[in-house]
PDB file of all heavy atoms in Angstrom:
ATOM      1  N   MET A   1       7.105   3.117 -24.626  1.00  0.00           N
ATOM      2  CA  MET A   1       7.986   2.814 -23.500  1.00  0.00           C
ATOM      3  C   MET A   1       7.302   1.901 -22.482  1.00  0.00           C
ATOM      4  O   MET A   1       6.082   1.883 -22.358  1.00  0.00           O
ATOM      5  CB  MET A   1       8.428   4.104 -22.809  1.00  0.00           C
ATOM      6  CG  MET A   1       9.078   5.131 -23.734  1.00  0.00           C
ATOM      7  SD  MET A   1      10.612   4.548 -24.491  1.00  0.00           S
ATOM      8  CE  MET A   1      11.656   4.343 -23.037  1.00  0.00           C
ATOM      9  N   VAL A   2       8.139   1.163 -21.745  1.00  0.00           N
ATOM     10  CA  VAL A   2       7.631   0.278 -20.700  1.00  0.00           C
ATOM     11  C   VAL A   2       8.597   0.296 -19.513  1.00  0.00           C
ATOM     12  O   VAL A   2       9.815   0.327 -19.683  1.00  0.00           O
ATOM     13  CB  VAL A   2       7.452  -1.167 -21.220  1.00  0.00           C
ATOM     14  CG1 VAL A   2       8.791  -1.795 -21.613  1.00  0.00           C
ATOM     15  CG2 VAL A   2       6.737  -2.030 -20.186  1.00  0.00           C
ATOM     16  N   TYR A   3       8.046   0.288 -18.301  1.00  0.00           N
ATOM     17  CA  TYR A   3       8.867   0.185 -17.096  1.00  0.00           C
ATOM     18  C   TYR A   3       9.057  -1.289 -16.743  1.00  0.00           C
ATOM     19  O   TYR A   3       8.105  -2.082 -16.781  1.00  0.00           O
ATOM     20  CB  TYR A   3       8.205   0.908 -15.918  1.00  0.00           C
ATOM     21  CG  TYR A   3       8.277   2.413 -16.006  1.00  0.00           C
ATOM     22  CD1 TYR A   3       7.130   3.176 -16.253  1.00  0.00           C
ATOM     23  CD2 TYR A   3       9.491   3.077 -15.845  1.00  0.00           C
ATOM     24  CE1 TYR A   3       7.195   4.550 -16.330  1.00  0.00           C
ATOM     25  CE2 TYR A   3       9.561   4.468 -15.913  1.00  0.00           C
ATOM     26  CZ  TYR A   3       8.406   5.192 -16.163  1.00  0.00           C
ATOM     27  OH  TYR A   3       8.473   6.565 -16.241  1.00  0.00           O
ATOM     28  N   LEU A   4      10.283  -1.639 -16.400  1.00  0.00           N
ATOM     29  CA  LEU A   4      10.622  -2.985 -15.965  1.00  0.00           C
ATOM     30  C   LEU A   4      11.094  -2.918 -14.519  1.00  0.00           C
ATOM     31  O   LEU A   4      12.009  -2.156 -14.199  1.00  0.00           O
ATOM     32  CB  LEU A   4      11.726  -3.579 -16.850  1.00  0.00           C
ATOM     33  CG  LEU A   4      11.466  -3.603 -18.360  1.00  0.00           C
ATOM     34  CD1 LEU A   4      12.714  -4.081 -19.095  1.00  0.00           C
ATOM     35  CD2 LEU A   4      10.269  -4.498 -18.680  1.00  0.00           C
ATOM     36  N   THR A   5      10.488  -3.720 -13.643  1.00  0.00           N
ATOM     37  CA  THR A   5      10.865  -3.738 -12.226  1.00  0.00           C
ATOM     38  C   THR A   5      11.297  -5.141 -11.840  1.00  0.00           C
ATOM     39  O   THR A   5      10.521  -6.100 -11.998  1.00  0.00           O
ATOM     40  CB  THR A   5       9.692  -3.319 -11.330  1.00  0.00           C
ATOM     41  OG1 THR A   5       9.247  -2.023 -11.708  1.00  0.00           O
ATOM     42  CG2 THR A   5      10.125  -3.284  -9.871  1.00  0.00           C
ATOM     43  N   LEU A   6      12.522  -5.266 -11.378  1.00  0.00           N
ATOM     44  CA  LEU A   6      12.998  -6.561 -10.899  1.00  0.00           C
ATOM     45  C   LEU A   6      13.017  -6.550  -9.370  1.00  0.00           C
ATOM     46  O   LEU A   6      13.733  -5.758  -8.750  1.00  0.00           O
ATOM     47  CB  LEU A   6      14.402  -6.864 -11.420  1.00  0.00           C
ATOM     48  CG  LEU A   6      14.950  -8.240 -11.033  1.00  0.00           C
ATOM     49  CD1 LEU A   6      14.228  -9.335 -11.824  1.00  0.00           C
ATOM     50  CD2 LEU A   6      16.456  -8.338 -11.250  1.00  0.00           C
ATOM     51  N   SER A   7      12.187  -7.405  -8.762  1.00  0.00           N
ATOM     52  CA  SER A   7      12.252  -7.622  -7.317  1.00  0.00           C
ATOM     53  C   SER A   7      13.179  -8.806  -7.100  1.00  0.00           C
ATOM     54  O   SER A   7      13.000  -9.857  -7.709  1.00  0.00           O
ATOM     55  CB  SER A   7      10.866  -7.956  -6.752  1.00  0.00           C
ATOM     56  OG  SER A   7       9.935  -6.952  -7.050  1.00  0.00           O
ATOM     57  N   TYR A   8      14.171  -8.635  -6.206  1.00  0.00           N
ATOM     58  CA  TYR A   8      15.128  -9.723  -6.026  1.00  0.00           C
ATOM     59  C   TYR A   8      15.480  -9.915  -4.557  1.00  0.00           C
ATOM     60  O   TYR A   8      15.343  -9.010  -3.738  1.00  0.00           O
ATOM     61  CB  TYR A   8      16.387  -9.492  -6.862  1.00  0.00           C
ATOM     62  CG  TYR A   8      17.118  -8.202  -6.612  1.00  0.00           C
ATOM     63  CD1 TYR A   8      18.201  -8.140  -5.728  1.00  0.00           C
ATOM     64  CD2 TYR A   8      16.745  -7.037  -7.277  1.00  0.00           C
ATOM     65  CE1 TYR A   8      18.876  -6.949  -5.509  1.00  0.00           C
ATOM     66  CE2 TYR A   8      17.412  -5.841  -7.062  1.00  0.00           C
ATOM     67  CZ  TYR A   8      18.481  -5.811  -6.175  1.00  0.00           C
ATOM     68  OH  TYR A   8      19.146  -4.627  -5.947  1.00  0.00           O
ATOM     69  N   ASP A   9      15.895 -11.121  -4.269  1.00  0.00           N
ATOM     70  CA  ASP A   9      16.265 -11.536  -2.910  1.00  0.00           C
ATOM     71  C   ASP A   9      17.725 -11.179  -2.685  1.00  0.00           C
ATOM     72  O   ASP A   9      18.624 -11.770  -3.292  1.00  0.00           O
ATOM     73  CB  ASP A   9      16.053 -13.046  -2.785  1.00  0.00           C
ATOM     74  CG  ASP A   9      16.222 -13.561  -1.366  1.00  0.00           C
ATOM     75  OD1 ASP A   9      16.951 -12.921  -0.586  1.00  0.00           O
ATOM     76  OD2 ASP A   9      15.632 -14.618  -1.048  1.00  0.00           O
ATOM     77  N   HIS A  10      17.955 -10.214  -1.780  1.00  0.00           N
ATOM     78  CA  HIS A  10      19.313  -9.716  -1.582  1.00  0.00           C
ATOM     79  C   HIS A  10      20.223 -10.732  -0.889  1.00  0.00           C
ATOM     80  O   HIS A  10      21.433 -10.520  -0.782  1.00  0.00           O
ATOM     81  CB  HIS A  10      19.289  -8.411  -0.782  1.00  0.00           C
ATOM     82  CG  HIS A  10      20.368  -7.455  -1.162  1.00  0.00           C
ATOM     83  ND1 HIS A  10      21.561  -7.854  -1.722  1.00  0.00           N
ATOM     84  CD2 HIS A  10      20.451  -6.099  -1.065  1.00  0.00           C
ATOM     85  CE1 HIS A  10      22.329  -6.808  -1.945  1.00  0.00           C
ATOM     86  NE2 HIS A  10      21.676  -5.720  -1.562  1.00  0.00           N
ATOM     87  N   ARG A  11      19.661 -11.840  -0.414  1.00  0.00           N
ATOM     88  CA  ARG A  11      20.522 -12.896   0.131  1.00  0.00           C
ATOM     89  C   ARG A  11      21.353 -13.534  -0.968  1.00  0.00           C
ATOM     90  O   ARG A  11      22.456 -14.028  -0.724  1.00  0.00           O
ATOM     91  CB  ARG A  11      19.678 -13.981   0.800  1.00  0.00           C
ATOM     92  CG  ARG A  11      18.897 -13.551   2.027  1.00  0.00           C
ATOM     93  CD  ARG A  11      18.060 -14.713   2.532  1.00  0.00           C
ATOM     94  NE  ARG A  11      17.142 -15.200   1.499  1.00  0.00           N
ATOM     95  CZ  ARG A  11      16.477 -16.356   1.593  1.00  0.00           C
ATOM     96  NH1 ARG A  11      16.614 -17.123   2.668  1.00  0.00           N
ATOM     97  NH2 ARG A  11      15.661 -16.734   0.621  1.00  0.00           N
ATOM     98  N   VAL A  12      20.803 -13.555  -2.196  1.00  0.00           N
ATOM     99  CA  VAL A  12      21.448 -14.261  -3.302  1.00  0.00           C
ATOM    100  C   VAL A  12      21.900 -13.310  -4.404  1.00  0.00           C
ATOM    101  O   VAL A  12      22.984 -13.473  -4.978  1.00  0.00           O
ATOM    102  CB  VAL A  12      20.483 -15.316  -3.889  1.00  0.00           C
ATOM    103  CG1 VAL A  12      21.109 -16.032  -5.081  1.00  0.00           C
ATOM    104  CG2 VAL A  12      20.073 -16.318  -2.820  1.00  0.00           C
ATOM    105  N   VAL A  13      21.067 -12.323  -4.710  1.00  0.00           N
ATOM    106  CA  VAL A  13      21.344 -11.420  -5.840  1.00  0.00           C
ATOM    107  C   VAL A  13      21.760 -10.055  -5.308  1.00  0.00           C
ATOM    108  O   VAL A  13      21.051  -9.454  -4.496  1.00  0.00           O
ATOM    109  CB  VAL A  13      20.099 -11.281  -6.736  1.00  0.00           C
ATOM    110  CG1 VAL A  13      20.406 -10.385  -7.931  1.00  0.00           C
ATOM    111  CG2 VAL A  13      19.611 -12.658  -7.196  1.00  0.00           C
ATOM    112  N   ASP A  14      22.891  -9.563  -5.784  1.00  0.00           N
ATOM    113  CA  ASP A  14      23.361  -8.226  -5.413  1.00  0.00           C
ATOM    114  C   ASP A  14      22.843  -7.191  -6.397  1.00  0.00           C
ATOM    115  O   ASP A  14      22.431  -7.518  -7.526  1.00  0.00           O
ATOM    116  CB  ASP A  14      24.888  -8.183  -5.380  1.00  0.00           C
ATOM    117  CG  ASP A  14      25.458  -8.983  -4.214  1.00  0.00           C
ATOM    118  OD1 ASP A  14      24.779  -9.051  -3.169  1.00  0.00           O
ATOM    119  OD2 ASP A  14      26.554  -9.533  -4.359  1.00  0.00           O
ATOM    120  N   GLY A  15      22.883  -5.933  -5.981  1.00  0.00           N
ATOM    121  CA  GLY A  15      22.363  -4.853  -6.806  1.00  0.00           C
ATOM    122  C   GLY A  15      23.036  -4.760  -8.156  1.00  0.00           C
ATOM    123  O   GLY A  15      22.382  -4.510  -9.174  1.00  0.00           O
ATOM    124  N   ALA A  16      24.351  -4.965  -8.196  1.00  0.00           N
ATOM    125  CA  ALA A  16      25.074  -4.864  -9.461  1.00  0.00           C
ATOM    126  C   ALA A  16      24.564  -5.902 -10.461  1.00  0.00           C
ATOM    127  O   ALA A  16      24.331  -5.593 -11.647  1.00  0.00           O
ATOM    128  CB  ALA A  16      26.571  -5.057  -9.220  1.00  0.00           C
ATOM    129  N   VAL A  17      24.396  -7.130  -9.994  1.00  0.00           N
ATOM    130  CA  VAL A  17      23.903  -8.198 -10.877  1.00  0.00           C
ATOM    131  C   VAL A  17      22.473  -7.904 -11.321  1.00  0.00           C
ATOM    132  O   VAL A  17      22.116  -8.098 -12.489  1.00  0.00           O
ATOM    133  CB  VAL A  17      23.979  -9.555 -10.157  1.00  0.00           C
ATOM    134  CG1 VAL A  17      23.310 -10.651 -10.992  1.00  0.00           C
ATOM    135  CG2 VAL A  17      25.424  -9.933  -9.866  1.00  0.00           C
ATOM    136  N   ALA A  18      21.643  -7.433 -10.379  1.00  0.00           N
ATOM    137  CA  ALA A  18      20.249  -7.143 -10.716  1.00  0.00           C
ATOM    138  C   ALA A  18      20.156  -6.066 -11.800  1.00  0.00           C
ATOM    139  O   ALA A  18      19.385  -6.209 -12.759  1.00  0.00           O
ATOM    140  CB  ALA A  18      19.495  -6.692  -9.463  1.00  0.00           C
ATOM    141  N   HIS A  19      20.926  -4.982 -11.649  1.00  0.00           N
ATOM    142  CA  HIS A  19      20.875  -3.905 -12.649  1.00  0.00           C
ATOM    143  C   HIS A  19      21.430  -4.370 -13.994  1.00  0.00           C
ATOM    144  O   HIS A  19      20.926  -3.977 -15.051  1.00  0.00           O
ATOM    145  CB  HIS A  19      21.646  -2.691 -12.139  1.00  0.00           C
ATOM    146  CG  HIS A  19      20.899  -1.920 -11.078  1.00  0.00           C
ATOM    147  ND1 HIS A  19      19.769  -1.187 -11.346  1.00  0.00           N
ATOM    148  CD2 HIS A  19      21.119  -1.790  -9.748  1.00  0.00           C
ATOM    149  CE1 HIS A  19      19.315  -0.633 -10.232  1.00  0.00           C
ATOM    150  NE2 HIS A  19      20.125  -0.990  -9.237  1.00  0.00           N
ATOM    151  N   GLN A  20      22.456  -5.216 -13.950  1.00  0.00           N
ATOM    152  CA  GLN A  20      22.979  -5.755 -15.215  1.00  0.00           C
ATOM    153  C   GLN A  20      21.952  -6.664 -15.884  1.00  0.00           C
ATOM    154  O   GLN A  20      21.814  -6.664 -17.108  1.00  0.00           O
ATOM    155  CB  GLN A  20      24.268  -6.533 -14.955  1.00  0.00           C
ATOM    156  CG  GLN A  20      25.449  -5.656 -14.557  1.00  0.00           C
ATOM    157  CD  GLN A  20      26.677  -6.491 -14.240  1.00  0.00           C
ATOM    158  OE1 GLN A  20      27.365  -6.960 -15.138  1.00  0.00           O
ATOM    159  NE2 GLN A  20      26.942  -6.680 -12.954  1.00  0.00           N
ATOM    160  N   PHE A  21      21.242  -7.432 -15.086  1.00  0.00           N
ATOM    161  CA  PHE A  21      20.210  -8.310 -15.633  1.00  0.00           C
ATOM    162  C   PHE A  21      19.120  -7.487 -16.325  1.00  0.00           C
ATOM    163  O   PHE A  21      18.742  -7.774 -17.467  1.00  0.00           O
ATOM    164  CB  PHE A  21      19.603  -9.154 -14.506  1.00  0.00           C
ATOM    165  CG  PHE A  21      18.443 -10.007 -14.942  1.00  0.00           C
ATOM    166  CD1 PHE A  21      18.647 -11.263 -15.470  1.00  0.00           C
ATOM    167  CD2 PHE A  21      17.130  -9.541 -14.834  1.00  0.00           C
ATOM    168  CE1 PHE A  21      17.575 -12.051 -15.874  1.00  0.00           C
ATOM    169  CE2 PHE A  21      16.055 -10.311 -15.239  1.00  0.00           C
ATOM    170  CZ  PHE A  21      16.279 -11.575 -15.762  1.00  0.00           C
ATOM    171  N   VAL A  22      18.617  -6.479 -15.632  1.00  0.00           N
ATOM    172  CA  VAL A  22      17.574  -5.638 -16.231  1.00  0.00           C
ATOM    173  C   VAL A  22      18.116  -4.924 -17.467  1.00  0.00           C
ATOM    174  O   VAL A  22      17.409  -4.782 -18.477  1.00  0.00           O
ATOM    175  CB  VAL A  22      17.031  -4.624 -15.197  1.00  0.00           C
ATOM    176  CG1 VAL A  22      15.982  -3.720 -15.835  1.00  0.00           C
ATOM    177  CG2 VAL A  22      16.420  -5.340 -14.006  1.00  0.00           C
ATOM    178  N   GLY A  23      19.364  -4.483 -17.409  1.00  0.00           N
ATOM    179  CA  GLY A  23      19.970  -3.836 -18.571  1.00  0.00           C
ATOM    180  C   GLY A  23      20.062  -4.776 -19.767  1.00  0.00           C
ATOM    181  O   GLY A  23      19.880  -4.361 -20.917  1.00  0.00           O
ATOM    182  N   LYS A  24      20.342  -6.047 -19.489  1.00  0.00           N
ATOM    183  CA  LYS A  24      20.404  -7.043 -20.564  1.00  0.00           C
ATOM    184  C   LYS A  24      19.030  -7.224 -21.197  1.00  0.00           C
ATOM    185  O   LYS A  24      18.895  -7.274 -22.429  1.00  0.00           O
ATOM    186  CB  LYS A  24      20.897  -8.370 -19.993  1.00  0.00           C
ATOM    187  CG  LYS A  24      20.992  -9.515 -20.985  1.00  0.00           C
ATOM    188  CD  LYS A  24      22.175  -9.359 -21.910  1.00  0.00           C
ATOM    189  CE  LYS A  24      22.386 -10.610 -22.748  1.00  0.00           C
ATOM    190  NZ  LYS A  24      23.520 -10.454 -23.688  1.00  0.00           N
ATOM    191  N   VAL A  25      17.995  -7.338 -20.358  1.00  0.00           N
ATOM    192  CA  VAL A  25      16.622  -7.475 -20.877  1.00  0.00           C
ATOM    193  C   VAL A  25      16.263  -6.256 -21.709  1.00  0.00           C
ATOM    194  O   VAL A  25      15.719  -6.377 -22.819  1.00  0.00           O
ATOM    195  CB  VAL A  25      15.623  -7.653 -19.709  1.00  0.00           C
ATOM    196  CG1 VAL A  25      14.187  -7.616 -20.230  1.00  0.00           C
ATOM    197  CG2 VAL A  25      15.886  -8.958 -18.975  1.00  0.00           C
ATOM    198  N   LYS A  26      16.569  -5.089 -21.217  1.00  0.00           N
ATOM    199  CA  LYS A  26      16.281  -3.834 -21.924  1.00  0.00           C
ATOM    200  C   LYS A  26      16.973  -3.806 -23.291  1.00  0.00           C
ATOM    201  O   LYS A  26      16.357  -3.479 -24.319  1.00  0.00           O
ATOM    202  CB  LYS A  26      16.775  -2.660 -21.065  1.00  0.00           C
ATOM    203  CG  LYS A  26      16.800  -1.300 -21.748  1.00  0.00           C
ATOM    204  CD  LYS A  26      17.463  -0.281 -20.827  1.00  0.00           C
ATOM    205  CE  LYS A  26      17.732   1.054 -21.528  1.00  0.00           C
ATOM    206  NZ  LYS A  26      16.515   1.855 -21.641  1.00  0.00           N
ATOM    207  N   GLY A  27      18.260  -4.171 -23.309  1.00  0.00           N
ATOM    208  CA  GLY A  27      19.007  -4.151 -24.568  1.00  0.00           C
ATOM    209  C   GLY A  27      18.449  -5.116 -25.589  1.00  0.00           C
ATOM    210  O   GLY A  27      18.381  -4.802 -26.790  1.00  0.00           O
ATOM    211  N   LEU A  28      18.049  -6.296 -25.144  1.00  0.00           N
ATOM    212  CA  LEU A  28      17.493  -7.289 -26.068  1.00  0.00           C
ATOM    213  C   LEU A  28      16.155  -6.834 -26.634  1.00  0.00           C
ATOM    214  O   LEU A  28      15.849  -7.071 -27.815  1.00  0.00           O
ATOM    215  CB  LEU A  28      17.331  -8.628 -25.341  1.00  0.00           C
ATOM    216  CG  LEU A  28      18.644  -9.343 -24.977  1.00  0.00           C
ATOM    217  CD1 LEU A  28      18.381 -10.479 -23.993  1.00  0.00           C
ATOM    218  CD2 LEU A  28      19.311  -9.888 -26.243  1.00  0.00           C
ATOM    219  N   LEU A  29      15.343  -6.186 -25.819  1.00  0.00           N
ATOM    220  CA  LEU A  29      14.050  -5.710 -26.303  1.00  0.00           C
ATOM    221  C   LEU A  29      14.224  -4.554 -27.300  1.00  0.00           C
ATOM    222  O   LEU A  29      13.557  -4.518 -28.340  1.00  0.00           O
ATOM    223  CB  LEU A  29      13.192  -5.252 -25.112  1.00  0.00           C
ATOM    224  CG  LEU A  29      12.720  -6.338 -24.143  1.00  0.00           C
ATOM    225  CD1 LEU A  29      12.045  -5.715 -22.924  1.00  0.00           C
ATOM    226  CD2 LEU A  29      11.770  -7.329 -24.835  1.00  0.00           C
ATOM    227  N   GLU A  30      15.092  -3.636 -26.954  1.00  0.00           N
ATOM    228  CA  GLU A  30      15.269  -2.460 -27.831  1.00  0.00           C
ATOM    229  C   GLU A  30      15.967  -2.806 -29.133  1.00  0.00           C
ATOM    230  O   GLU A  30      15.715  -2.160 -30.170  1.00  0.00           O
ATOM    231  CB  GLU A  30      16.053  -1.393 -27.075  1.00  0.00           C
ATOM    232  CG  GLU A  30      15.283  -0.804 -25.911  1.00  0.00           C
ATOM    233  CD  GLU A  30      16.023   0.284 -25.171  1.00  0.00           C
ATOM    234  OE1 GLU A  30      17.269   0.374 -25.350  1.00  0.00           O
ATOM    235  OE2 GLU A  30      15.398   1.062 -24.440  1.00  0.00           O
ATOM    236  N   GLY A  31      16.820  -3.828 -29.096  1.00  0.00           N
ATOM    237  CA  GLY A  31      17.539  -4.209 -30.324  1.00  0.00           C
ATOM    238  C   GLY A  31      17.001  -5.465 -30.950  1.00  0.00           C
ATOM    239  O   GLY A  31      17.756  -6.220 -31.580  1.00  0.00           O
ATOM    240  N   TRP A  32      15.707  -5.738 -30.771  1.00  0.00           N
ATOM    241  CA  TRP A  32      15.124  -7.000 -31.234  1.00  0.00           C
ATOM    242  C   TRP A  32      15.416  -7.242 -32.726  1.00  0.00           C
ATOM    243  O   TRP A  32      15.186  -6.371 -33.571  1.00  0.00           O
ATOM    244  CB  TRP A  32      13.615  -6.990 -31.016  1.00  0.00           C
ATOM    245  CG  TRP A  32      12.977  -8.325 -31.288  1.00  0.00           C
ATOM    246  CD1 TRP A  32      12.484  -8.760 -32.477  1.00  0.00           C
ATOM    247  CD2 TRP A  32      12.812  -9.387 -30.359  1.00  0.00           C
ATOM    248  NE1 TRP A  32      11.992 -10.038 -32.360  1.00  0.00           N
ATOM    249  CE2 TRP A  32      12.188 -10.445 -31.057  1.00  0.00           C
ATOM    250  CE3 TRP A  32      13.117  -9.555 -29.015  1.00  0.00           C
ATOM    251  CZ2 TRP A  32      11.870 -11.670 -30.444  1.00  0.00           C
ATOM    252  CZ3 TRP A  32      12.792 -10.757 -28.401  1.00  0.00           C
ATOM    253  CH2 TRP A  32      12.183 -11.804 -29.114  1.00  0.00           C
ATOM    254  N   SER A  33      15.901  -8.453 -33.033  1.00  0.00           N
ATOM    255  CA  SER A  33      16.236  -8.795 -34.427  1.00  0.00           C
ATOM    256  C   SER A  33      15.665 -10.139 -34.874  1.00  0.00           C
ATOM    257  O   SER A  33      15.803 -10.504 -36.041  1.00  0.00           O
ATOM    258  CB  SER A  33      17.762  -8.812 -34.596  1.00  0.00           C
ATOM    259  OG  SER A  33      18.348  -9.773 -33.725  1.00  0.00           O
ATOM    260  N   GLU A  34      15.033 -10.870 -33.966  1.00  0.00           N
ATOM    261  CA  GLU A  34      14.523 -12.189 -34.292  1.00  0.00           C
ATOM    262  C   GLU A  34      13.221 -12.099 -35.088  1.00  0.00           C
ATOM    263  O   GLU A  34      12.331 -11.313 -34.755  1.00  0.00           O
ATOM    264  CB  GLU A  34      14.288 -12.990 -33.005  1.00  0.00           C
ATOM    265  CG  GLU A  34      13.871 -14.422 -33.232  1.00  0.00           C
ATOM    266  CD  GLU A  34      13.742 -15.200 -31.933  1.00  0.00           C
ATOM    267  OE1 GLU A  34      14.192 -14.684 -30.882  1.00  0.00           O
ATOM    268  OE2 GLU A  34      13.196 -16.316 -31.956  1.00  0.00           O
ATOM    269  N   GLU A  35      13.111 -12.923 -36.132  1.00  0.00           N
ATOM    270  CA  GLU A  35      11.880 -12.976 -36.926  1.00  0.00           C
ATOM    271  C   GLU A  35      10.799 -13.737 -36.165  1.00  0.00           C
ATOM    272  O   GLU A  35      11.090 -14.698 -35.445  1.00  0.00           O
ATOM    273  CB  GLU A  35      12.152 -13.662 -38.266  1.00  0.00           C
ATOM    274  CG  GLU A  35      13.086 -12.884 -39.189  1.00  0.00           C
ATOM    275  CD  GLU A  35      12.482 -11.588 -39.674  1.00  0.00           C
ATOM    276  OE1 GLU A  35      11.235 -11.511 -39.769  1.00  0.00           O
ATOM    277  OE2 GLU A  35      13.244 -10.653 -39.958  1.00  0.00           O
ATOM    278  N   VAL A  36       9.564 -13.326 -36.323  1.00  0.00           N
ATOM    279  CA  VAL A  36       8.469 -14.019 -35.643  1.00  0.00           C
ATOM    280  C   VAL A  36       7.616 -14.839 -36.594  1.00  0.00           C
ATOM    281  O   VAL A  36       6.783 -15.623 -36.138  1.00  0.00           O
ATOM    282  CB  VAL A  36       7.581 -13.000 -34.881  1.00  0.00           C
ATOM    283  CG1 VAL A  36       8.380 -12.264 -33.838  1.00  0.00           C
ATOM    284  CG2 VAL A  36       6.904 -12.039 -35.839  1.00  0.00           C
ATOM    285  N   LEU A  37       7.801 -14.678 -37.872  1.00  0.00           N
ATOM    286  CA  LEU A  37       7.040 -15.444 -38.859  1.00  0.00           C
ATOM    287  C   LEU A  37       7.976 -16.352 -39.668  1.00  0.00           C
ATOM    288  O   LEU A  37       9.147 -16.060 -39.850  1.00  0.00           O
ATOM    289  CB  LEU A  37       6.313 -14.503 -39.826  1.00  0.00           C
ATOM    290  CG  LEU A  37       5.086 -13.774 -39.263  1.00  0.00           C
ATOM    291  CD1 LEU A  37       4.566 -12.747 -40.270  1.00  0.00           C
ATOM    292  CD2 LEU A  37       3.973 -14.781 -38.936  1.00  0.00           C
TER     293      LEU A  37
END
């Protein structure tokens, strides 16, 4: 497991967008399907 922390500027990014962004990163990492070789 790994903790992911997103620090964001609330002038531009709202909490909903920030949590969705981190959720997207989390989903891509957990469901990784790309070949590396």
